[in-house]
PDB file of N, CA and C in Angstrom:
ATOM      1  N   UNK A   1     104.452-273.694 -19.805  1.00  0.00           N
ATOM      2  CA  UNK A   1     105.456-272.695 -19.950  1.00  0.00           C
ATOM      3  C   UNK A   1     106.748-273.626 -19.619  1.00  0.00           C
ATOM      4  N   UNK A   2     107.692-273.365 -20.414  1.00  0.00           N
ATOM      5  CA  UNK A   2     109.101-274.168 -20.098  1.00  0.00           C
ATOM      6  C   UNK A   2     109.832-273.278 -19.159  1.00  0.00           C
ATOM      7  N   UNK A   3     110.524-274.102 -18.408  1.00  0.00           N
ATOM      8  CA  UNK A   3     111.371-273.543 -17.265  1.00  0.00           C
ATOM      9  C   UNK A   3     112.937-273.691 -17.665  1.00  0.00           C
ATOM     10  N   UNK A   4     113.672-272.732 -17.298  1.00  0.00           N
ATOM     11  CA  UNK A   4     115.199-272.798 -17.547  1.00  0.00           C
ATOM     12  C   UNK A   4     115.677-273.952 -16.551  1.00  0.00           C
ATOM     13  N   UNK A   5     116.301-275.012 -16.886  1.00  0.00           N
ATOM     14  CA  UNK A   5     116.775-276.233 -16.103  1.00  0.00           C
ATOM     15  C   UNK A   5     118.380-275.887 -16.055  1.00  0.00           C
ATOM     16  N   UNK A   6     118.916-276.756 -15.063  1.00  0.00           N
ATOM     17  CA  UNK A   6     120.437-276.490 -14.883  1.00  0.00           C
ATOM     18  C   UNK A   6     120.951-277.167 -16.249  1.00  0.00           C
ATOM     19  N   UNK A   7     122.022-276.355 -16.514  1.00  0.00           N
ATOM     20  CA  UNK A   7     122.906-276.638 -17.821  1.00  0.00           C
ATOM     21  C   UNK A   7     122.213-276.285 -18.948  1.00  0.00           C
ATOM     22  N   UNK A   8     121.174-275.351 -19.067  1.00  0.00           N
ATOM     23  CA  UNK A   8     120.668-274.845 -20.162  1.00  0.00           C
ATOM     24  C   UNK A   8     121.637-273.662 -20.521  1.00  0.00           C
ATOM     25  N   UNK A   9     121.826-273.827 -21.963  1.00  0.00           N
ATOM     26  CA  UNK A   9     122.847-272.925 -22.546  1.00  0.00           C
ATOM     27  C   UNK A   9     122.197-271.701 -23.297  1.00  0.00           C
ATOM     28  N   UNK A  10     120.680-271.809 -23.392  1.00  0.00           N
ATOM     29  CA  UNK A  10     120.202-270.725 -24.171  1.00  0.00           C
ATOM     30  C   UNK A  10     120.307-269.391 -23.284  1.00  0.00           C
ATOM     31  N   UNK A  11     120.904-268.421 -24.103  1.00  0.00           N
ATOM     32  CA  UNK A  11     121.091-267.059 -23.465  1.00  0.00           C
ATOM     33  C   UNK A  11     122.315-267.051 -22.660  1.00  0.00           C
ATOM     34  N   UNK A  12     123.193-268.175 -22.526  1.00  0.00           N
ATOM     35  CA  UNK A  12     124.350-268.074 -21.720  1.00  0.00           C
ATOM     36  C   UNK A  12     125.267-267.043 -21.817  1.00  0.00           C
ATOM     37  N   UNK A  13     125.323-266.638 -23.208  1.00  0.00           N
ATOM     38  CA  UNK A  13     126.379-265.543 -23.287  1.00  0.00           C
ATOM     39  C   UNK A  13     125.746-264.363 -23.107  1.00  0.00           C
ATOM     40  N   UNK A  14     124.716-263.982 -23.044  1.00  0.00           N
ATOM     41  CA  UNK A  14     123.814-262.829 -22.621  1.00  0.00           C
ATOM     42  C   UNK A  14     124.024-261.856 -23.877  1.00  0.00           C
ATOM     43  N   UNK A  15     123.624-260.543 -23.495  1.00  0.00           N
ATOM     44  CA  UNK A  15     123.875-259.626 -24.607  1.00  0.00           C
ATOM     45  C   UNK A  15     125.177-259.290 -25.041  1.00  0.00           C
ATOM     46  N   UNK A  16     125.425-259.229 -26.257  1.00  0.00           N
ATOM     47  CA  UNK A  16     126.911-258.864 -26.591  1.00  0.00           C
ATOM     48  C   UNK A  16     127.380-257.644 -26.080  1.00  0.00           C
ATOM     49  N   UNK A  17     128.672-257.676 -25.452  1.00  0.00           N
ATOM     50  CA  UNK A  17     129.200-256.504 -25.040  1.00  0.00           C
ATOM     51  C   UNK A  17     129.104-255.270 -25.947  1.00  0.00           C
ATOM     52  N   UNK A  18     128.717-254.198 -25.307  1.00  0.00           N
ATOM     53  CA  UNK A  18     128.604-252.879 -26.002  1.00  0.00           C
ATOM     54  C   UNK A  18     127.320-252.577 -26.932  1.00  0.00           C
ATOM     55  N   UNK A  19     126.426-253.832 -26.784  1.00  0.00           N
ATOM     56  CA  UNK A  19     125.200-253.601 -27.476  1.00  0.00           C
ATOM     57  C   UNK A  19     124.085-252.756 -26.539  1.00  0.00           C
ATOM     58  N   UNK A  20     123.219-252.020 -27.077  1.00  0.00           N
ATOM     59  CA  UNK A  20     121.986-251.376 -26.354  1.00  0.00           C
ATOM     60  C   UNK A  20     120.990-251.647 -27.118  1.00  0.00           C
ATOM     61  N   UNK A  21     119.743-251.716 -26.282  1.00  0.00           N
ATOM     62  CA  UNK A  21     118.494-251.819 -27.058  1.00  0.00           C
ATOM     63  C   UNK A  21     118.197-250.437 -27.616  1.00  0.00           C
ATOM     64  N   UNK A  22     117.068-250.369 -28.305  1.00  0.00           N
ATOM     65  CA  UNK A  22     116.805-249.207 -29.159  1.00  0.00           C
ATOM     66  C   UNK A  22     116.416-247.932 -28.095  1.00  0.00           C
ATOM     67  N   UNK A  23     115.800-248.396 -27.013  1.00  0.00           N
ATOM     68  CA  UNK A  23     115.439-247.325 -26.010  1.00  0.00           C
ATOM     69  C   UNK A  23     116.679-246.640 -25.371  1.00  0.00           C
ATOM     70  N   UNK A  24     117.582-247.498 -25.087  1.00  0.00           N
ATOM     71  CA  UNK A  24     118.892-247.232 -24.382  1.00  0.00           C
ATOM     72  C   UNK A  24     119.491-246.276 -25.459  1.00  0.00           C
ATOM     73  N   UNK A  25     119.813-246.679 -26.658  1.00  0.00           N
ATOM     74  CA  UNK A  25     120.442-245.815 -27.494  1.00  0.00           C
ATOM     75  C   UNK A  25     119.688-244.472 -27.995  1.00  0.00           C
ATOM     76  N   UNK A  26     118.426-244.460 -27.970  1.00  0.00           N
ATOM     77  CA  UNK A  26     117.666-243.211 -28.097  1.00  0.00           C
ATOM     78  C   UNK A  26     117.889-242.229 -26.828  1.00  0.00           C
ATOM     79  N   UNK A  27     117.722-242.858 -25.677  1.00  0.00           N
ATOM     80  CA  UNK A  27     117.991-242.056 -24.309  1.00  0.00           C
ATOM     81  C   UNK A  27     119.266-241.448 -24.148  1.00  0.00           C
ATOM     82  N   UNK A  28     120.262-242.353 -24.582  1.00  0.00           N
ATOM     83  CA  UNK A  28     121.769-241.851 -24.464  1.00  0.00           C
ATOM     84  C   UNK A  28     121.999-240.610 -25.624  1.00  0.00           C
ATOM     85  N   UNK A  29     121.495-240.973 -26.757  1.00  0.00           N
ATOM     86  CA  UNK A  29     121.686-239.938 -27.739  1.00  0.00           C
ATOM     87  C   UNK A  29     121.084-238.750 -27.448  1.00  0.00           C
ATOM     88  N   UNK A  30     119.654-238.761 -26.989  1.00  0.00           N
ATOM     89  CA  UNK A  30     118.975-237.386 -26.700  1.00  0.00           C
ATOM     90  C   UNK A  30     119.791-236.742 -25.540  1.00  0.00           C
ATOM     91  N   UNK A  31     120.010-237.428 -24.506  1.00  0.00           N
ATOM     92  CA  UNK A  31     120.670-236.937 -23.299  1.00  0.00           C
ATOM     93  C   UNK A  31     121.978-236.341 -23.644  1.00  0.00           C
ATOM     94  N   UNK A  32     122.708-236.739 -24.670  1.00  0.00           N
ATOM     95  CA  UNK A  32     123.777-236.381 -24.926  1.00  0.00           C
ATOM     96  C   UNK A  32     123.718-235.180 -25.877  1.00  0.00           C
ATOM     97  N   UNK A  33     122.752-234.962 -26.728  1.00  0.00           N
ATOM     98  CA  UNK A  33     122.563-233.898 -27.499  1.00  0.00           C
ATOM     99  C   UNK A  33     122.078-232.834 -26.540  1.00  0.00           C
ATOM    100  N   UNK A  34     121.213-233.133 -25.540  1.00  0.00           N
ATOM    101  CA  UNK A  34     120.716-231.969 -24.628  1.00  0.00           C
ATOM    102  C   UNK A  34     121.889-231.394 -23.909  1.00  0.00           C
ATOM    103  N   UNK A  35     122.936-232.288 -23.532  1.00  0.00           N
ATOM    104  CA  UNK A  35     123.932-231.576 -22.869  1.00  0.00           C
ATOM    105  C   UNK A  35     124.820-230.792 -23.655  1.00  0.00           C
ATOM    106  N   UNK A  36     124.926-231.052 -24.916  1.00  0.00           N
ATOM    107  CA  UNK A  36     125.564-230.302 -25.786  1.00  0.00           C
ATOM    108  C   UNK A  36     125.002-229.100 -26.299  1.00  0.00           C
ATOM    109  N   UNK A  37     123.598-229.139 -26.164  1.00  0.00           N
ATOM    110  CA  UNK A  37     122.733-228.236 -26.610  1.00  0.00           C
ATOM    111  C   UNK A  37     123.036-226.749 -26.144  1.00  0.00           C
ATOM    112  N   UNK A  38     123.176-225.580 -27.098  1.00  0.00           N
ATOM    113  CA  UNK A  38     123.345-224.253 -26.566  1.00  0.00           C
ATOM    114  C   UNK A  38     121.847-223.609 -26.191  1.00  0.00           C
ATOM    115  N   UNK A  39     121.892-223.056 -25.230  1.00  0.00           N
ATOM    116  CA  UNK A  39     120.504-222.313 -24.933  1.00  0.00           C
ATOM    117  C   UNK A  39     120.289-221.276 -25.894  1.00  0.00           C
ATOM    118  N   UNK A  40     119.038-221.220 -26.241  1.00  0.00           N
ATOM    119  CA  UNK A  40     118.669-220.355 -27.313  1.00  0.00           C
ATOM    120  C   UNK A  40     118.661-220.908 -28.723  1.00  0.00           C
ATOM    121  N   UNK A  41     119.304-221.898 -28.919  1.00  0.00           N
ATOM    122  CA  UNK A  41     119.441-222.511 -30.295  1.00  0.00           C
ATOM    123  C   UNK A  41     118.278-223.433 -30.410  1.00  0.00           C
ATOM    124  N   UNK A  42     117.678-223.515 -31.618  1.00  0.00           N
ATOM    125  CA  UNK A  42     116.570-224.680 -31.759  1.00  0.00           C
ATOM    126  C   UNK A  42     117.016-226.059 -31.218  1.00  0.00           C
ATOM    127  N   UNK A  43     116.181-226.754 -30.593  1.00  0.00           N
ATOM    128  CA  UNK A  43     116.481-228.195 -30.292  1.00  0.00           C
ATOM    129  C   UNK A  43     116.580-228.951 -31.583  1.00  0.00           C
ATOM    130  N   UNK A  44     117.483-230.052 -31.507  1.00  0.00           N
ATOM    131  CA  UNK A  44     117.626-230.911 -32.781  1.00  0.00           C
ATOM    132  C   UNK A  44     116.229-231.363 -33.207  1.00  0.00           C
ATOM    133  N   UNK A  45     115.958-231.352 -34.406  1.00  0.00           N
ATOM    134  CA  UNK A  45     114.807-231.973 -34.957  1.00  0.00           C
ATOM    135  C   UNK A  45     114.335-233.211 -34.498  1.00  0.00           C
ATOM    136  N   UNK A  46     115.304-234.240 -34.361  1.00  0.00           N
ATOM    137  CA  UNK A  46     114.845-235.423 -34.042  1.00  0.00           C
ATOM    138  C   UNK A  46     114.596-235.723 -32.554  1.00  0.00           C
ATOM    139  N   UNK A  47     114.705-234.708 -31.745  1.00  0.00           N
ATOM    140  CA  UNK A  47     114.517-234.899 -30.412  1.00  0.00           C
ATOM    141  C   UNK A  47     113.514-233.858 -29.908  1.00  0.00           C
ATOM    142  N   UNK A  48     113.408-232.779 -30.593  1.00  0.00           N
ATOM    143  CA  UNK A  48     112.691-231.420 -30.114  1.00  0.00           C
ATOM    144  C   UNK A  48     111.318-231.691 -29.369  1.00  0.00           C
ATOM    145  N   UNK A  49     110.447-232.509 -29.861  1.00  0.00           N
ATOM    146  CA  UNK A  49     109.114-232.843 -29.372  1.00  0.00           C
ATOM    147  C   UNK A  49     109.006-233.998 -28.616  1.00  0.00           C
ATOM    148  N   UNK A  50     110.096-234.712 -28.375  1.00  0.00           N
ATOM    149  CA  UNK A  50     110.057-235.950 -27.693  1.00  0.00           C
ATOM    150  C   UNK A  50     109.836-235.662 -26.170  1.00  0.00           C
ATOM    151  N   UNK A  51     109.284-236.498 -25.471  1.00  0.00           N
ATOM    152  CA  UNK A  51     108.996-236.527 -23.976  1.00  0.00           C
ATOM    153  C   UNK A  51     110.164-236.437 -23.249  1.00  0.00           C
ATOM    154  N   UNK A  52     111.364-237.043 -23.664  1.00  0.00           N
ATOM    155  CA  UNK A  52     112.506-236.975 -22.974  1.00  0.00           C
ATOM    156  C   UNK A  52     113.237-235.791 -23.097  1.00  0.00           C
ATOM    157  N   UNK A  53     113.112-235.132 -24.137  1.00  0.00           N
ATOM    158  CA  UNK A  53     113.798-233.833 -24.394  1.00  0.00           C
ATOM    159  C   UNK A  53     113.080-232.780 -23.668  1.00  0.00           C
ATOM    160  N   UNK A  54     111.856-232.780 -23.554  1.00  0.00           N
ATOM    161  CA  UNK A  54     110.898-231.775 -22.881  1.00  0.00           C
ATOM    162  C   UNK A  54     111.289-231.977 -21.338  1.00  0.00           C
ATOM    163  N   UNK A  55     111.402-233.320 -20.822  1.00  0.00           N
ATOM    164  CA  UNK A  55     111.748-233.497 -19.595  1.00  0.00           C
ATOM    165  C   UNK A  55     113.008-232.983 -19.105  1.00  0.00           C
ATOM    166  N   UNK A  56     113.957-233.343 -19.847  1.00  0.00           N
ATOM    167  CA  UNK A  56     115.246-233.018 -19.609  1.00  0.00           C
ATOM    168  C   UNK A  56     115.424-231.243 -19.612  1.00  0.00           C
ATOM    169  N   UNK A  57     114.725-230.730 -20.493  1.00  0.00           N
ATOM    170  CA  UNK A  57     114.634-229.219 -20.528  1.00  0.00           C
ATOM    171  C   UNK A  57     114.042-228.707 -19.264  1.00  0.00           C
ATOM    172  N   UNK A  58     112.891-229.336 -18.859  1.00  0.00           N
ATOM    173  CA  UNK A  58     112.071-228.812 -17.620  1.00  0.00           C
ATOM    174  C   UNK A  58     112.996-229.026 -16.426  1.00  0.00           C
ATOM    175  N   UNK A  59     113.626-230.202 -16.254  1.00  0.00           N
ATOM    176  CA  UNK A  59     114.391-230.534 -15.162  1.00  0.00           C
ATOM    177  C   UNK A  59     115.677-229.638 -15.048  1.00  0.00           C
ATOM    178  N   UNK A  60     116.243-229.163 -16.241  1.00  0.00           N
ATOM    179  CA  UNK A  60     117.382-228.276 -16.116  1.00  0.00           C
ATOM    180  C   UNK A  60     117.038-226.858 -15.787  1.00  0.00           C
ATOM    181  N   UNK A  61     115.682-226.504 -16.079  1.00  0.00           N
ATOM    182  CA  UNK A  61     115.203-225.132 -15.721  1.00  0.00           C
ATOM    183  C   UNK A  61     114.756-225.007 -14.266  1.00  0.00           C
ATOM    184  N   UNK A  62     114.130-225.969 -13.825  1.00  0.00           N
ATOM    185  CA  UNK A  62     113.414-226.021 -12.496  1.00  0.00           C
ATOM    186  C   UNK A  62     114.335-226.622 -11.341  1.00  0.00           C
ATOM    187  N   UNK A  63     115.127-227.674 -11.703  1.00  0.00           N
ATOM    188  CA  UNK A  63     115.900-228.303 -10.732  1.00  0.00           C
ATOM    189  C   UNK A  63     117.312-228.701 -11.342  1.00  0.00           C
ATOM    190  N   UNK A  64     118.136-227.715 -11.494  1.00  0.00           N
ATOM    191  CA  UNK A  64     119.570-227.859 -12.200  1.00  0.00           C
ATOM    192  C   UNK A  64     120.341-229.021 -11.513  1.00  0.00           C
ATOM    193  N   UNK A  65     120.172-229.072 -10.208  1.00  0.00           N
ATOM    194  CA  UNK A  65     121.121-229.944  -9.478  1.00  0.00           C
ATOM    195  C   UNK A  65     120.571-231.473  -9.895  1.00  0.00           C
ATOM    196  N   UNK A  66     119.294-231.615  -9.784  1.00  0.00           N
ATOM    197  CA  UNK A  66     118.695-232.883 -10.178  1.00  0.00           C
ATOM    198  C   UNK A  66     118.919-233.269 -11.664  1.00  0.00           C
ATOM    199  N   UNK A  67     119.001-232.197 -12.625  1.00  0.00           N
ATOM    200  CA  UNK A  67     119.571-232.488 -13.865  1.00  0.00           C
ATOM    201  C   UNK A  67     120.764-233.124 -14.071  1.00  0.00           C
ATOM    202  N   UNK A  68     121.823-232.455 -13.295  1.00  0.00           N
ATOM    203  CA  UNK A  68     123.280-232.940 -13.326  1.00  0.00           C
ATOM    204  C   UNK A  68     123.231-234.409 -12.812  1.00  0.00           C
ATOM    205  N   UNK A  69     122.460-234.616 -11.641  1.00  0.00           N
ATOM    206  CA  UNK A  69     122.561-236.007 -10.944  1.00  0.00           C
ATOM    207  C   UNK A  69     121.922-236.994 -11.993  1.00  0.00           C
ATOM    208  N   UNK A  70     120.950-236.682 -12.759  1.00  0.00           N
ATOM    209  CA  UNK A  70     120.421-237.549 -13.782  1.00  0.00           C
ATOM    210  C   UNK A  70     121.144-237.988 -14.921  1.00  0.00           C
ATOM    211  N   UNK A  71     121.745-236.888 -15.477  1.00  0.00           N
ATOM    212  CA  UNK A  71     122.766-237.100 -16.438  1.00  0.00           C
ATOM    213  C   UNK A  71     124.071-237.873 -16.026  1.00  0.00           C
ATOM    214  N   UNK A  72     124.565-237.670 -14.874  1.00  0.00           N
ATOM    215  CA  UNK A  72     125.744-238.394 -14.303  1.00  0.00           C
ATOM    216  C   UNK A  72     125.406-239.844 -14.019  1.00  0.00           C
ATOM    217  N   UNK A  73     124.099-240.184 -13.536  1.00  0.00           N
ATOM    218  CA  UNK A  73     123.734-241.519 -13.410  1.00  0.00           C
ATOM    219  C   UNK A  73     123.699-242.321 -14.511  1.00  0.00           C
ATOM    220  N   UNK A  74     123.746-241.793 -15.656  1.00  0.00           N
ATOM    221  CA  UNK A  74     123.714-242.350 -17.016  1.00  0.00           C
ATOM    222  C   UNK A  74     125.110-242.775 -17.215  1.00  0.00           C
ATOM    223  N   UNK A  75     126.175-242.193 -16.745  1.00  0.00           N
ATOM    224  CA  UNK A  75     127.514-242.486 -16.977  1.00  0.00           C
ATOM    225  C   UNK A  75     128.026-243.779 -16.414  1.00  0.00           C
ATOM    226  N   UNK A  76     128.982-244.587 -17.030  1.00  0.00           N
ATOM    227  CA  UNK A  76     129.365-245.721 -16.448  1.00  0.00           C
ATOM    228  C   UNK A  76     130.061-245.597 -15.137  1.00  0.00           C
ATOM    229  N   UNK A  77     129.886-246.499 -14.244  1.00  0.00           N
ATOM    230  CA  UNK A  77     130.585-246.461 -12.851  1.00  0.00           C
ATOM    231  C   UNK A  77     132.084-246.507 -12.891  1.00  0.00           C
ATOM    232  N   UNK A  78     132.569-247.254 -13.847  1.00  0.00           N
ATOM    233  CA  UNK A  78     134.023-247.299 -13.919  1.00  0.00           C
ATOM    234  C   UNK A  78     134.284-246.764 -15.312  1.00  0.00           C
ATOM    235  N   UNK A  79     135.484-245.970 -15.250  1.00  0.00           N
ATOM    236  CA  UNK A  79     135.935-245.347 -16.553  1.00  0.00           C
ATOM    237  C   UNK A  79     137.393-245.788 -16.828  1.00  0.00           C
ATOM    238  N   UNK A  80     137.923-245.971 -17.968  1.00  0.00           N
ATOM    239  CA  UNK A  80     139.038-246.339 -18.212  1.00  0.00           C
ATOM    240  C   UNK A  80     139.785-245.357 -18.616  1.00  0.00           C
ATOM    241  N   UNK A  81     140.885-245.250 -18.009  1.00  0.00           N
ATOM    242  CA  UNK A  81     141.798-243.797 -18.106  1.00  0.00           C
ATOM    243  C   UNK A  81     142.695-243.883 -19.199  1.00  0.00           C
ATOM    244  N   UNK A  82     142.348-244.543 -20.434  1.00  0.00           N
ATOM    245  CA  UNK A  82     143.340-244.707 -21.447  1.00  0.00           C
ATOM    246  C   UNK A  82     143.113-243.593 -22.536  1.00  0.00           C
ATOM    247  N   UNK A  83     142.494-242.454 -22.290  1.00  0.00           N
ATOM    248  CA  UNK A  83     142.040-241.414 -23.252  1.00  0.00           C
ATOM    249  C   UNK A  83     143.270-240.411 -23.436  1.00  0.00           C
ATOM    250  N   UNK A  84     143.418-239.808 -24.399  1.00  0.00           N
ATOM    251  CA  UNK A  84     144.383-238.899 -24.697  1.00  0.00           C
ATOM    252  C   UNK A  84     144.014-237.535 -24.042  1.00  0.00           C
ATOM    253  N   UNK A  85     145.026-236.645 -23.969  1.00  0.00           N
ATOM    254  CA  UNK A  85     144.822-235.460 -23.429  1.00  0.00           C
ATOM    255  C   UNK A  85     143.681-234.514 -24.131  1.00  0.00           C
ATOM    256  N   UNK A  86     143.527-234.594 -25.327  1.00  0.00           N
ATOM    257  CA  UNK A  86     142.411-234.087 -26.148  1.00  0.00           C
ATOM    258  C   UNK A  86     141.061-234.559 -25.471  1.00  0.00           C
ATOM    259  N   UNK A  87     140.993-235.826 -25.160  1.00  0.00           N
ATOM    260  CA  UNK A  87     139.603-236.488 -24.691  1.00  0.00           C
ATOM    261  C   UNK A  87     139.445-235.872 -23.405  1.00  0.00           C
ATOM    262  N   UNK A  88     140.331-235.570 -22.567  1.00  0.00           N
ATOM    263  CA  UNK A  88     140.192-235.020 -21.118  1.00  0.00           C
ATOM    264  C   UNK A  88     139.942-233.755 -21.420  1.00  0.00           C
ATOM    265  N   UNK A  89     140.315-232.923 -22.429  1.00  0.00           N
ATOM    266  CA  UNK A  89     140.082-231.302 -22.457  1.00  0.00           C
ATOM    267  C   UNK A  89     138.553-231.426 -22.983  1.00  0.00           C
ATOM    268  N   UNK A  90     137.934-232.283 -23.735  1.00  0.00           N
ATOM    269  CA  UNK A  90     136.671-232.318 -24.155  1.00  0.00           C
ATOM    270  C   UNK A  90     135.734-232.406 -22.776  1.00  0.00           C
ATOM    271  N   UNK A  91     136.164-233.441 -21.963  1.00  0.00           N
ATOM    272  CA  UNK A  91     135.319-233.682 -20.710  1.00  0.00           C
ATOM    273  C   UNK A  91     135.398-232.373 -19.864  1.00  0.00           C
ATOM    274  N   UNK A  92     136.573-231.769 -19.740  1.00  0.00           N
ATOM    275  CA  UNK A  92     136.638-230.494 -19.172  1.00  0.00           C
ATOM    276  C   UNK A  92     135.652-229.474 -19.684  1.00  0.00           C
ATOM    277  N   UNK A  93     135.533-229.349 -21.001  1.00  0.00           N
ATOM    278  CA  UNK A  93     134.638-228.487 -21.453  1.00  0.00           C
ATOM    279  C   UNK A  93     133.215-228.676 -21.132  1.00  0.00           C
ATOM    280  N   UNK A  94     132.710-230.081 -21.250  1.00  0.00           N
ATOM    281  CA  UNK A  94     131.480-230.485 -21.093  1.00  0.00           C
ATOM    282  C   UNK A  94     131.125-229.973 -19.401  1.00  0.00           C
ATOM    283  N   UNK A  95     132.302-230.323 -18.406  1.00  0.00           N
ATOM    284  CA  UNK A  95     131.935-229.801 -17.050  1.00  0.00           C
ATOM    285  C   UNK A  95     131.780-228.423 -17.068  1.00  0.00           C
ATOM    286  N   UNK A  96     132.545-227.688 -17.729  1.00  0.00           N
ATOM    287  CA  UNK A  96     132.433-226.303 -17.706  1.00  0.00           C
ATOM    288  C   UNK A  96     131.010-225.849 -18.325  1.00  0.00           C
ATOM    289  N   UNK A  97     130.517-226.499 -19.302  1.00  0.00           N
ATOM    290  CA  UNK A  97     129.114-226.169 -19.940  1.00  0.00           C
ATOM    291  C   UNK A  97     128.211-226.497 -18.920  1.00  0.00           C
ATOM    292  N   UNK A  98     128.334-227.625 -18.120  1.00  0.00           N
ATOM    293  CA  UNK A  98     127.343-227.904 -17.075  1.00  0.00           C
ATOM    294  C   UNK A  98     127.232-226.859 -16.075  1.00  0.00           C
ATOM    295  N   UNK A  99     128.634-226.504 -15.551  1.00  0.00           N
ATOM    296  CA  UNK A  99     128.551-225.539 -14.564  1.00  0.00           C
ATOM    297  C   UNK A  99     127.805-224.083 -15.011  1.00  0.00           C
ATOM    298  N   UNK A 100     128.132-223.739 -16.349  1.00  0.00           N
ATOM    299  CA  UNK A 100     127.611-222.547 -16.837  1.00  0.00           C
ATOM    300  C   UNK A 100     126.045-222.551 -17.082  1.00  0.00           C
ATOM    301  N   UNK A 101     125.637-223.782 -17.481  1.00  0.00           N
ATOM    302  CA  UNK A 101     124.027-223.958 -17.497  1.00  0.00           C
ATOM    303  C   UNK A 101     123.448-223.956 -15.937  1.00  0.00           C
ATOM    304  N   UNK A 102     124.154-224.481 -15.038  1.00  0.00           N
ATOM    305  CA  UNK A 102     123.617-224.473 -13.613  1.00  0.00           C
ATOM    306  C   UNK A 102     123.588-223.276 -13.218  1.00  0.00           C
ATOM    307  N   UNK A 103     124.596-222.483 -13.219  1.00  0.00           N
ATOM    308  CA  UNK A 103     124.729-221.148 -12.840  1.00  0.00           C
ATOM    309  C   UNK A 103     123.818-220.200 -13.299  1.00  0.00           C
ATOM    310  N   UNK A 104     123.403-220.201 -14.913  1.00  0.00           N
ATOM    311  CA  UNK A 104     122.407-219.702 -15.436  1.00  0.00           C
ATOM    312  C   UNK A 104     121.196-219.956 -15.101  1.00  0.00           C
ATOM    313  N   UNK A 105     120.783-221.149 -14.735  1.00  0.00           N
ATOM    314  CA  UNK A 105     119.475-221.603 -14.301  1.00  0.00           C
ATOM    315  C   UNK A 105     119.237-220.988 -12.877  1.00  0.00           C
ATOM    316  N   UNK A 106     120.269-221.270 -12.064  1.00  0.00           N
ATOM    317  CA  UNK A 106     120.175-220.578 -10.721  1.00  0.00           C
ATOM    318  C   UNK A 106     119.870-219.248 -10.666  1.00  0.00           C
ATOM    319  N   UNK A 107     120.697-218.432 -11.674  1.00  0.00           N
ATOM    320  CA  UNK A 107     120.496-216.974 -11.640  1.00  0.00           C
ATOM    321  C   UNK A 107     118.941-216.579 -12.074  1.00  0.00           C
ATOM    322  N   UNK A 108     118.596-217.290 -13.048  1.00  0.00           N
ATOM    323  CA  UNK A 108     117.316-217.110 -13.503  1.00  0.00           C
ATOM    324  C   UNK A 108     116.106-217.310 -12.472  1.00  0.00           C
ATOM    325  N   UNK A 109     116.487-218.339 -11.602  1.00  0.00           N
ATOM    326  CA  UNK A 109     115.413-218.756 -10.698  1.00  0.00           C
ATOM    327  C   UNK A 109     115.520-217.739  -9.474  1.00  0.00           C
ATOM    328  N   UNK A 110     116.783-217.490  -8.915  1.00  0.00           N
ATOM    329  CA  UNK A 110     117.021-216.587  -7.889  1.00  0.00           C
ATOM    330  C   UNK A 110     117.347-215.302  -7.961  1.00  0.00           C
ATOM    331  N   UNK A 111     117.737-215.011  -9.100  1.00  0.00           N
ATOM    332  CA  UNK A 111     118.170-213.580  -9.365  1.00  0.00           C
ATOM    333  C   UNK A 111     119.840-213.477  -9.276  1.00  0.00           C
ATOM    334  N   UNK A 112     120.419-212.435  -9.887  1.00  0.00           N
ATOM    335  CA  UNK A 112     121.975-212.455  -9.665  1.00  0.00           C
ATOM    336  C   UNK A 112     122.333-212.360  -8.073  1.00  0.00           C
ATOM    337  N   UNK A 113     123.608-212.963  -7.952  1.00  0.00           N
ATOM    338  CA  UNK A 113     124.037-212.939  -6.516  1.00  0.00           C
ATOM    339  C   UNK A 113     124.792-211.835  -6.150  1.00  0.00           C
TER     340      UNK A 113
END
C-alpha cells in the first residue's frame, strides 16, 4: 500500500468548492422537500418511500424539537448576509412554517393548550 509522503500533490486541491457527493445532494434535497411539504399533501414521488423521508416524518411527529435541531444542523455555520429583502422574507416564511408544524405536532401529542 502506498503512503502519502511529504510534498505529495495528489488531492492537494481537495474537493472543488460547492460540490457535494450524491448522498449529500440527496439528503439536502429530501430534507428541503420535507421542510417545504404541506401536511396532508402526498409526499413528493422521488422521496415518498425513502428511509430518510420516513425518518424525517416520524421525527417531526414524535419529537418535533429534535426534528428542528436535525434540520438546523444541516445548515452552514456561517451565513453570508448579502441576500435581498425578498430572500429574508422567504427565510421568515420557512421559520413560520417550522413553528406552525411544531405547534401542530405538540397539539396532536398533548392536546390543545
